[in-house]
Amino acid sequence: MSQVEDLSLRSVEARLARLILEEATGESFIRQRWDTQAEMAARLGTVLDVLNRALRRLAADGVIKVERHRILILDQEQLAAIADLDT
């Protein structure tokens, strides 16, 4: 039920922010080599292009920095605010 609520009530950016925060270790979210961005998009209930746009927006806003297999959290407070934005 909570996944249905997430998909219908939260933006992709908010769902992505929440995923990063929930799965981060310290200040970084490490994506396993087998965990592709397409699989990450599927987990968020979206498609790869939309996920990439959300990642670029968060990076452009200085909230995260995207590296090959890692997403660094640059502004945890802002990321948390984005995660709760659509509640």
PDB file of N, CA and C in Angstrom:
ATOM      1  N   MET A   1       0.814  -1.197   0.000  1.00  0.00           N
ATOM      2  CA  MET A   1       0.000   0.000   0.000  1.00  0.00           C
ATOM      3  C   MET A   1       0.863   1.269   0.000  1.00  0.00           C
ATOM      4  N   SER A   2       1.954   1.250   0.769  1.00  0.00           N
ATOM      5  CA  SER A   2       2.801   2.444   0.819  1.00  0.00           C
ATOM      6  C   SER A   2       3.475   2.703  -0.525  1.00  0.00           C
ATOM      7  N   GLN A   3       3.776   1.646  -1.283  1.00  0.00           N
ATOM      8  CA  GLN A   3       4.375   1.832  -2.603  1.00  0.00           C
ATOM      9  C   GLN A   3       3.381   2.495  -3.551  1.00  0.00           C
ATOM     10  N   VAL A   4       2.124   2.122  -3.476  1.00  0.00           N
ATOM     11  CA  VAL A   4       1.092   2.740  -4.308  1.00  0.00           C
ATOM     12  C   VAL A   4       0.958   4.215  -3.951  1.00  0.00           C
ATOM     13  N   GLU A   5       0.981   4.517  -2.665  1.00  0.00           N
ATOM     14  CA  GLU A   5       0.916   5.913  -2.231  1.00  0.00           C
ATOM     15  C   GLU A   5       2.112   6.687  -2.754  1.00  0.00           C
ATOM     16  N   ASP A   6       3.303   6.095  -2.636  1.00  0.00           N
ATOM     17  CA  ASP A   6       4.520   6.744  -3.123  1.00  0.00           C
ATOM     18  C   ASP A   6       4.413   7.069  -4.609  1.00  0.00           C
ATOM     19  N   LEU A   7       3.958   6.094  -5.397  1.00  0.00           N
ATOM     20  CA  LEU A   7       3.871   6.282  -6.844  1.00  0.00           C
ATOM     21  C   LEU A   7       2.849   7.339  -7.220  1.00  0.00           C
ATOM     22  N   SER A   8       1.765   7.404  -6.484  1.00  0.00           N
ATOM     23  CA  SER A   8       0.713   8.336  -6.860  1.00  0.00           C
ATOM     24  C   SER A   8       0.869   9.719  -6.232  1.00  0.00           C
ATOM     25  N   LEU A   9       1.530   9.811  -5.093  1.00  0.00           N
ATOM     26  CA  LEU A   9       1.586  11.083  -4.379  1.00  0.00           C
ATOM     27  C   LEU A   9       2.935  11.787  -4.427  1.00  0.00           C
ATOM     28  N   ARG A  10       3.978  11.094  -4.777  1.00  0.00           N
ATOM     29  CA  ARG A  10       5.318  11.694  -4.772  1.00  0.00           C
ATOM     30  C   ARG A  10       5.881  11.805  -6.182  1.00  0.00           C
ATOM     31  N   SER A  11       6.627  12.870  -6.404  1.00  0.00           N
ATOM     32  CA  SER A  11       7.307  13.029  -7.689  1.00  0.00           C
ATOM     33  C   SER A  11       8.472  12.054  -7.761  1.00  0.00           C
ATOM     34  N   VAL A  12       8.992  11.849  -8.959  1.00  0.00           N
ATOM     35  CA  VAL A  12      10.154  10.974  -9.132  1.00  0.00           C
ATOM     36  C   VAL A  12      11.329  11.532  -8.335  1.00  0.00           C
ATOM     37  N   GLU A  13      11.494  12.840  -8.355  1.00  0.00           N
ATOM     38  CA  GLU A  13      12.573  13.463  -7.603  1.00  0.00           C
ATOM     39  C   GLU A  13      12.451  13.173  -6.105  1.00  0.00           C
ATOM     40  N   ALA A  14      11.239  13.258  -5.578  1.00  0.00           N
ATOM     41  CA  ALA A  14      11.013  12.979  -4.159  1.00  0.00           C
ATOM     42  C   ALA A  14      11.275  11.504  -3.849  1.00  0.00           C
ATOM     43  N   ARG A  15      10.822  10.613  -4.730  1.00  0.00           N
ATOM     44  CA  ARG A  15      11.064   9.176  -4.515  1.00  0.00           C
ATOM     45  C   ARG A  15      12.553   8.857  -4.595  1.00  0.00           C
ATOM     46  N   LEU A  16      13.252   9.498  -5.532  1.00  0.00           N
ATOM     47  CA  LEU A  16      14.690   9.303  -5.670  1.00  0.00           C
ATOM     48  C   LEU A  16      15.415   9.813  -4.426  1.00  0.00           C
ATOM     49  N   ALA A  17      15.048  10.991  -3.952  1.00  0.00           N
ATOM     50  CA  ALA A  17      15.672  11.550  -2.748  1.00  0.00           C
ATOM     51  C   ALA A  17      15.471  10.617  -1.564  1.00  0.00           C
ATOM     52  N   ARG A  18      14.285  10.091  -1.447  1.00  0.00           N
ATOM     53  CA  ARG A  18      13.985   9.160  -0.348  1.00  0.00           C
ATOM     54  C   ARG A  18      14.819   7.875  -0.465  1.00  0.00           C
ATOM     55  N   LEU A  19      14.919   7.332  -1.670  1.00  0.00           N
ATOM     56  CA  LEU A  19      15.720   6.125  -1.892  1.00  0.00           C
ATOM     57  C   LEU A  19      17.178   6.363  -1.520  1.00  0.00           C
ATOM     58  N   ILE A  20      17.724   7.479  -1.963  1.00  0.00           N
ATOM     59  CA  ILE A  20      19.120   7.795  -1.662  1.00  0.00           C
ATOM     60  C   ILE A  20      19.329   7.895  -0.151  1.00  0.00           C
ATOM     61  N   LEU A  21      18.434   8.606   0.519  1.00  0.00           N
ATOM     62  CA  LEU A  21      18.574   8.762   1.970  1.00  0.00           C
ATOM     63  C   LEU A  21      18.428   7.437   2.711  1.00  0.00           C
ATOM     64  N   GLU A  22      17.474   6.626   2.288  1.00  0.00           N
ATOM     65  CA  GLU A  22      17.238   5.349   2.970  1.00  0.00           C
ATOM     66  C   GLU A  22      18.376   4.356   2.782  1.00  0.00           C
ATOM     67  N   GLU A  23      19.028   4.396   1.639  1.00  0.00           N
ATOM     68  CA  GLU A  23      20.053   3.398   1.339  1.00  0.00           C
ATOM     69  C   GLU A  23      21.480   3.932   1.441  1.00  0.00           C
ATOM     70  N   ALA A  24      21.615   5.183   1.852  1.00  0.00           N
ATOM     71  CA  ALA A  24      22.945   5.782   1.971  1.00  0.00           C
ATOM     72  C   ALA A  24      23.684   5.242   3.185  1.00  0.00           C
ATOM     73  N   THR A  25      24.980   5.153   3.025  1.00  0.00           N
ATOM     74  CA  THR A  25      25.871   4.839   4.128  1.00  0.00           C
ATOM     75  C   THR A  25      26.697   6.093   4.348  1.00  0.00           C
ATOM     76  N   GLY A  26      26.443   6.769   5.431  1.00  0.00           N
ATOM     77  CA  GLY A  26      27.124   8.045   5.654  1.00  0.00           C
ATOM     78  C   GLY A  26      26.644   9.071   4.654  1.00  0.00           C
ATOM     79  N   GLU A  27      27.571   9.641   3.931  1.00  0.00           N
ATOM     80  CA  GLU A  27      27.251  10.682   2.960  1.00  0.00           C
ATOM     81  C   GLU A  27      27.206  10.178   1.526  1.00  0.00           C
ATOM     82  N   SER A  28      27.126   8.860   1.340  1.00  0.00           N
ATOM     83  CA  SER A  28      27.080   8.365  -0.037  1.00  0.00           C
ATOM     84  C   SER A  28      26.171   7.156  -0.186  1.00  0.00           C
ATOM     85  N   PHE A  29      25.580   7.082  -1.355  1.00  0.00           N
ATOM     86  CA  PHE A  29      24.739   5.962  -1.767  1.00  0.00           C
ATOM     87  C   PHE A  29      25.569   5.203  -2.793  1.00  0.00           C
ATOM     88  N   ILE A  30      25.971   4.001  -2.450  1.00  0.00           N
ATOM     89  CA  ILE A  30      26.801   3.211  -3.354  1.00  0.00           C
ATOM     90  C   ILE A  30      25.907   2.242  -4.109  1.00  0.00           C
ATOM     91  N   ARG A  31      25.925   2.392  -5.418  1.00  0.00           N
ATOM     92  CA  ARG A  31      25.142   1.520  -6.288  1.00  0.00           C
ATOM     93  C   ARG A  31      25.986   0.311  -6.640  1.00  0.00           C
ATOM     94  N   GLN A  32      25.470  -0.857  -6.402  1.00  0.00           N
ATOM     95  CA  GLN A  32      26.199  -2.073  -6.728  1.00  0.00           C
ATOM     96  C   GLN A  32      26.401  -2.154  -8.247  1.00  0.00           C
ATOM     97  N   ARG A  33      27.463  -2.776  -8.667  1.00  0.00           N
ATOM     98  CA  ARG A  33      27.769  -2.871 -10.102  1.00  0.00           C
ATOM     99  C   ARG A  33      26.635  -3.513 -10.897  1.00  0.00           C
ATOM    100  N   TRP A  34      25.935  -4.462 -10.288  1.00  0.00           N
ATOM    101  CA  TRP A  34      24.852  -5.149 -10.985  1.00  0.00           C
ATOM    102  C   TRP A  34      23.555  -4.337 -10.957  1.00  0.00           C
ATOM    103  N   ASP A  35      23.497  -3.299 -10.140  1.00  0.00           N
ATOM    104  CA  ASP A  35      22.291  -2.478 -10.005  1.00  0.00           C
ATOM    105  C   ASP A  35      22.356  -1.325 -11.006  1.00  0.00           C
ATOM    106  N   THR A  36      21.791  -1.520 -12.182  1.00  0.00           N
ATOM    107  CA  THR A  36      21.874  -0.513 -13.235  1.00  0.00           C
ATOM    108  C   THR A  36      20.896   0.633 -12.963  1.00  0.00           C
ATOM    109  N   GLN A  37      21.086   1.723 -13.677  1.00  0.00           N
ATOM    110  CA  GLN A  37      20.154   2.846 -13.536  1.00  0.00           C
ATOM    111  C   GLN A  37      18.764   2.450 -14.022  1.00  0.00           C
ATOM    112  N   ALA A  38      18.691   1.572 -15.005  1.00  0.00           N
ATOM    113  CA  ALA A  38      17.383   1.103 -15.475  1.00  0.00           C
ATOM    114  C   ALA A  38      16.652   0.351 -14.360  1.00  0.00           C
ATOM    115  N   GLU A  39      17.391  -0.471 -13.611  1.00  0.00           N
ATOM    116  CA  GLU A  39      16.787  -1.192 -12.490  1.00  0.00           C
ATOM    117  C   GLU A  39      16.386  -0.224 -11.382  1.00  0.00           C
ATOM    118  N   MET A  40      17.206   0.787 -11.177  1.00  0.00           N
ATOM    119  CA  MET A  40      16.889   1.813 -10.178  1.00  0.00           C
ATOM    120  C   MET A  40      15.607   2.549 -10.585  1.00  0.00           C
ATOM    121  N   ALA A  41      15.470   2.861 -11.860  1.00  0.00           N
ATOM    122  CA  ALA A  41      14.263   3.520 -12.364  1.00  0.00           C
ATOM    123  C   ALA A  41      13.044   2.641 -12.129  1.00  0.00           C
ATOM    124  N   ALA A  42      13.176   1.349 -12.398  1.00  0.00           N
ATOM    125  CA  ALA A  42      12.066   0.414 -12.193  1.00  0.00           C
ATOM    126  C   ALA A  42      11.664   0.371 -10.723  1.00  0.00           C
ATOM    127  N   ARG A  43      12.633   0.390  -9.826  1.00  0.00           N
ATOM    128  CA  ARG A  43      12.331   0.402  -8.394  1.00  0.00           C
ATOM    129  C   ARG A  43      11.553   1.643  -7.993  1.00  0.00           C
ATOM    130  N   LEU A  44      11.797   2.745  -8.706  1.00  0.00           N
ATOM    131  CA  LEU A  44      11.118   4.003  -8.403  1.00  0.00           C
ATOM    132  C   LEU A  44       9.812   4.157  -9.179  1.00  0.00           C
ATOM    133  N   GLY A  45       9.509   3.191 -10.030  1.00  0.00           N
ATOM    134  CA  GLY A  45       8.275   3.245 -10.805  1.00  0.00           C
ATOM    135  C   GLY A  45       8.313   4.265 -11.919  1.00  0.00           C
ATOM    136  N   THR A  46       9.478   4.397 -12.556  1.00  0.00           N
ATOM    137  CA  THR A  46       9.617   5.354 -13.644  1.00  0.00           C
ATOM    138  C   THR A  46      10.481   4.737 -14.740  1.00  0.00           C
ATOM    139  N   VAL A  47      10.871   5.541 -15.706  1.00  0.00           N
ATOM    140  CA  VAL A  47      11.731   5.075 -16.799  1.00  0.00           C
ATOM    141  C   VAL A  47      13.087   5.761 -16.696  1.00  0.00           C
ATOM    142  N   LEU A  48      14.053   5.219 -17.404  1.00  0.00           N
ATOM    143  CA  LEU A  48      15.432   5.682 -17.318  1.00  0.00           C
ATOM    144  C   LEU A  48      15.584   7.179 -17.613  1.00  0.00           C
ATOM    145  N   ASP A  49      14.928   7.680 -18.662  1.00  0.00           N
ATOM    146  CA  ASP A  49      15.054   9.097 -19.015  1.00  0.00           C
ATOM    147  C   ASP A  49      14.591  10.007 -17.889  1.00  0.00           C
ATOM    148  N   VAL A  50      13.493   9.667 -17.258  1.00  0.00           N
ATOM    149  CA  VAL A  50      12.957  10.484 -16.171  1.00  0.00           C
ATOM    150  C   VAL A  50      13.884  10.419 -14.961  1.00  0.00           C
ATOM    151  N   LEU A  51      14.417   9.236 -14.661  1.00  0.00           N
ATOM    152  CA  LEU A  51      15.376   9.101 -13.566  1.00  0.00           C
ATOM    153  C   LEU A  51      16.604   9.956 -13.829  1.00  0.00           C
ATOM    154  N   ASN A  52      17.135   9.903 -15.045  1.00  0.00           N
ATOM    155  CA  ASN A  52      18.321  10.690 -15.383  1.00  0.00           C
ATOM    156  C   ASN A  52      18.067  12.188 -15.249  1.00  0.00           C
ATOM    157  N   ARG A  53      16.884  12.644 -15.648  1.00  0.00           N
ATOM    158  CA  ARG A  53      16.541  14.064 -15.485  1.00  0.00           C
ATOM    159  C   ARG A  53      16.496  14.435 -14.004  1.00  0.00           C
ATOM    160  N   ALA A  54      15.927  13.574 -13.187  1.00  0.00           N
ATOM    161  CA  ALA A  54      15.846  13.841 -11.747  1.00  0.00           C
ATOM    162  C   ALA A  54      17.253  13.884 -11.137  1.00  0.00           C
ATOM    163  N   LEU A  55      18.110  12.951 -11.535  1.00  0.00           N
ATOM    164  CA  LEU A  55      19.497  12.956 -11.042  1.00  0.00           C
ATOM    165  C   LEU A  55      20.208  14.239 -11.455  1.00  0.00           C
ATOM    166  N   ARG A  56      20.034  14.660 -12.711  1.00  0.00           N
ATOM    167  CA  ARG A  56      20.674  15.889 -13.197  1.00  0.00           C
ATOM    168  C   ARG A  56      20.167  17.116 -12.451  1.00  0.00           C
ATOM    169  N   ARG A  57      18.848  17.166 -12.184  1.00  0.00           N
ATOM    170  CA  ARG A  57      18.285  18.313 -11.448  1.00  0.00           C
ATOM    171  C   ARG A  57      18.862  18.393 -10.038  1.00  0.00           C
ATOM    172  N   LEU A  58      18.903  17.255  -9.353  1.00  0.00           N
ATOM    173  CA  LEU A  58      19.438  17.249  -7.990  1.00  0.00           C
ATOM    174  C   LEU A  58      20.923  17.630  -7.991  1.00  0.00           C
ATOM    175  N   ALA A  59      21.656  17.180  -8.996  1.00  0.00           N
ATOM    176  CA  ALA A  59      23.076  17.529  -9.100  1.00  0.00           C
ATOM    177  C   ALA A  59      23.246  19.013  -9.422  1.00  0.00           C
ATOM    178  N   ALA A  60      22.446  19.534 -10.345  1.00  0.00           N
ATOM    179  CA  ALA A  60      22.525  20.952 -10.717  1.00  0.00           C
ATOM    180  C   ALA A  60      22.179  21.859  -9.537  1.00  0.00           C
ATOM    181  N   ASP A  61      21.300  21.391  -8.675  1.00  0.00           N
ATOM    182  CA  ASP A  61      20.920  22.167  -7.490  1.00  0.00           C
ATOM    183  C   ASP A  61      21.938  22.048  -6.363  1.00  0.00           C
ATOM    184  N   GLY A  62      22.978  21.237  -6.565  1.00  0.00           N
ATOM    185  CA  GLY A  62      24.023  21.097  -5.568  1.00  0.00           C
ATOM    186  C   GLY A  62      23.648  20.203  -4.393  1.00  0.00           C
ATOM    187  N   VAL A  63      22.641  19.363  -4.590  1.00  0.00           N
ATOM    188  CA  VAL A  63      22.175  18.477  -3.521  1.00  0.00           C
ATOM    189  C   VAL A  63      22.972  17.172  -3.505  1.00  0.00           C
ATOM    190  N   ILE A  64      23.301  16.679  -4.698  1.00  0.00           N
ATOM    191  CA  ILE A  64      24.060  15.431  -4.830  1.00  0.00           C
ATOM    192  C   ILE A  64      25.148  15.611  -5.879  1.00  0.00           C
ATOM    193  N   LYS A  65      26.082  14.676  -5.888  1.00  0.00           N
ATOM    194  CA  LYS A  65      27.073  14.590  -6.959  1.00  0.00           C
ATOM    195  C   LYS A  65      27.046  13.153  -7.441  1.00  0.00           C
ATOM    196  N   VAL A  66      26.816  12.966  -8.730  1.00  0.00           N
ATOM    197  CA  VAL A  66      26.695  11.621  -9.295  1.00  0.00           C
ATOM    198  C   VAL A  66      28.040  11.183  -9.849  1.00  0.00           C
ATOM    199  N   GLU A  67      28.492  10.038  -9.362  1.00  0.00           N
ATOM    200  CA  GLU A  67      29.699   9.409  -9.873  1.00  0.00           C
ATOM    201  C   GLU A  67      29.300   8.067 -10.469  1.00  0.00           C
ATOM    202  N   ARG A  68      30.243   7.337 -10.995  1.00  0.00           N
ATOM    203  CA  ARG A  68      29.937   6.098 -11.729  1.00  0.00           C
ATOM    204  C   ARG A  68      29.085   5.116 -10.922  1.00  0.00           C
ATOM    205  N   HIS A  69      29.515   4.725  -9.749  1.00  0.00           N
ATOM    206  CA  HIS A  69      28.764   3.762  -8.941  1.00  0.00           C
ATOM    207  C   HIS A  69      28.416   4.329  -7.569  1.00  0.00           C
ATOM    208  N   ARG A  70      28.433   5.663  -7.478  1.00  0.00           N
ATOM    209  CA  ARG A  70      28.193   6.272  -6.185  1.00  0.00           C
ATOM    210  C   ARG A  70      27.510   7.624  -6.366  1.00  0.00           C
ATOM    211  N   ILE A  71      26.615   7.911  -5.458  1.00  0.00           N
ATOM    212  CA  ILE A  71      25.979   9.227  -5.408  1.00  0.00           C
ATOM    213  C   ILE A  71      26.368   9.837  -4.070  1.00  0.00           C
ATOM    214  N   LEU A  72      27.076  10.957  -4.123  1.00  0.00           N
ATOM    215  CA  LEU A  72      27.481  11.648  -2.905  1.00  0.00           C
ATOM    216  C   LEU A  72      26.392  12.629  -2.495  1.00  0.00           C
ATOM    217  N   ILE A  73      26.062  12.634  -1.235  1.00  0.00           N
ATOM    218  CA  ILE A  73      25.077  13.574  -0.707  1.00  0.00           C
ATOM    219  C   ILE A  73      25.829  14.829  -0.280  1.00  0.00           C
ATOM    220  N   LEU A  74      25.549  15.941  -0.948  1.00  0.00           N
ATOM    221  CA  LEU A  74      26.225  17.195  -0.644  1.00  0.00           C
ATOM    222  C   LEU A  74      25.423  18.048   0.339  1.00  0.00           C
ATOM    223  N   ASP A  75      24.106  17.935   0.291  1.00  0.00           N
ATOM    224  CA  ASP A  75      23.234  18.712   1.172  1.00  0.00           C
ATOM    225  C   ASP A  75      22.120  17.800   1.693  1.00  0.00           C
ATOM    226  N   GLN A  76      22.386  17.167   2.826  1.00  0.00           N
ATOM    227  CA  GLN A  76      21.450  16.183   3.367  1.00  0.00           C
ATOM    228  C   GLN A  76      20.125  16.824   3.777  1.00  0.00           C
ATOM    229  N   GLU A  77      20.166  18.032   4.324  1.00  0.00           N
ATOM    230  CA  GLU A  77      18.931  18.701   4.741  1.00  0.00           C
ATOM    231  C   GLU A  77      18.025  18.986   3.544  1.00  0.00           C
ATOM    232  N   GLN A  78      18.608  19.492   2.485  1.00  0.00           N
ATOM    233  CA  GLN A  78      17.811  19.790   1.288  1.00  0.00           C
ATOM    234  C   GLN A  78      17.279  18.508   0.660  1.00  0.00           C
ATOM    235  N   LEU A  79      18.085  17.456   0.661  1.00  0.00           N
ATOM    236  CA  LEU A  79      17.639  16.178   0.109  1.00  0.00           C
ATOM    237  C   LEU A  79      16.468  15.634   0.928  1.00  0.00           C
ATOM    238  N   ALA A  80      16.540  15.761   2.243  1.00  0.00           N
ATOM    239  CA  ALA A  80      15.446  15.323   3.117  1.00  0.00           C
ATOM    240  C   ALA A  80      14.190  16.153   2.861  1.00  0.00           C
ATOM    241  N   ALA A  81      14.359  17.438   2.636  1.00  0.00           N
ATOM    242  CA  ALA A  81      13.211  18.296   2.343  1.00  0.00           C
ATOM    243  C   ALA A  81      12.555  17.886   1.016  1.00  0.00           C
ATOM    244  N   ILE A  82      13.365  17.558   0.019  1.00  0.00           N
ATOM    245  CA  ILE A  82      12.826  17.116  -1.270  1.00  0.00           C
ATOM    246  C   ILE A  82      12.091  15.791  -1.099  1.00  0.00           C
ATOM    247  N   ALA A  83      12.629  14.903  -0.296  1.00  0.00           N
ATOM    248  CA  ALA A  83      11.999  13.606  -0.068  1.00  0.00           C
ATOM    249  C   ALA A  83      10.621  13.754   0.568  1.00  0.00           C
ATOM    250  N   ASP A  84      10.425  14.766   1.378  1.00  0.00           N
ATOM    251  CA  ASP A  84       9.155  14.991   2.063  1.00  0.00           C
ATOM    252  C   ASP A  84       8.278  16.024   1.370  1.00  0.00           C
ATOM    253  N   LEU A  85       8.742  16.557   0.271  1.00  0.00           N
ATOM    254  CA  LEU A  85       8.078  17.664  -0.417  1.00  0.00           C
ATOM    255  C   LEU A  85       6.615  17.392  -0.746  1.00  0.00           C
ATOM    256  N   ASP A  86       6.330  16.208  -1.243  1.00  0.00           N
ATOM    257  CA  ASP A  86       4.983  15.922  -1.739  1.00  0.00           C
ATOM    258  C   ASP A  86       4.108  15.162  -0.751  1.00  0.00           C
ATOM    259  N   THR A  87       4.453  15.152   0.525  1.00  0.00           N
ATOM    260  CA  THR A  87       3.641  14.409   1.487  1.00  0.00           C
ATOM    261  C   THR A  87       2.444  15.224   1.920  1.00  0.00           C
TER     262      THR A  87
END
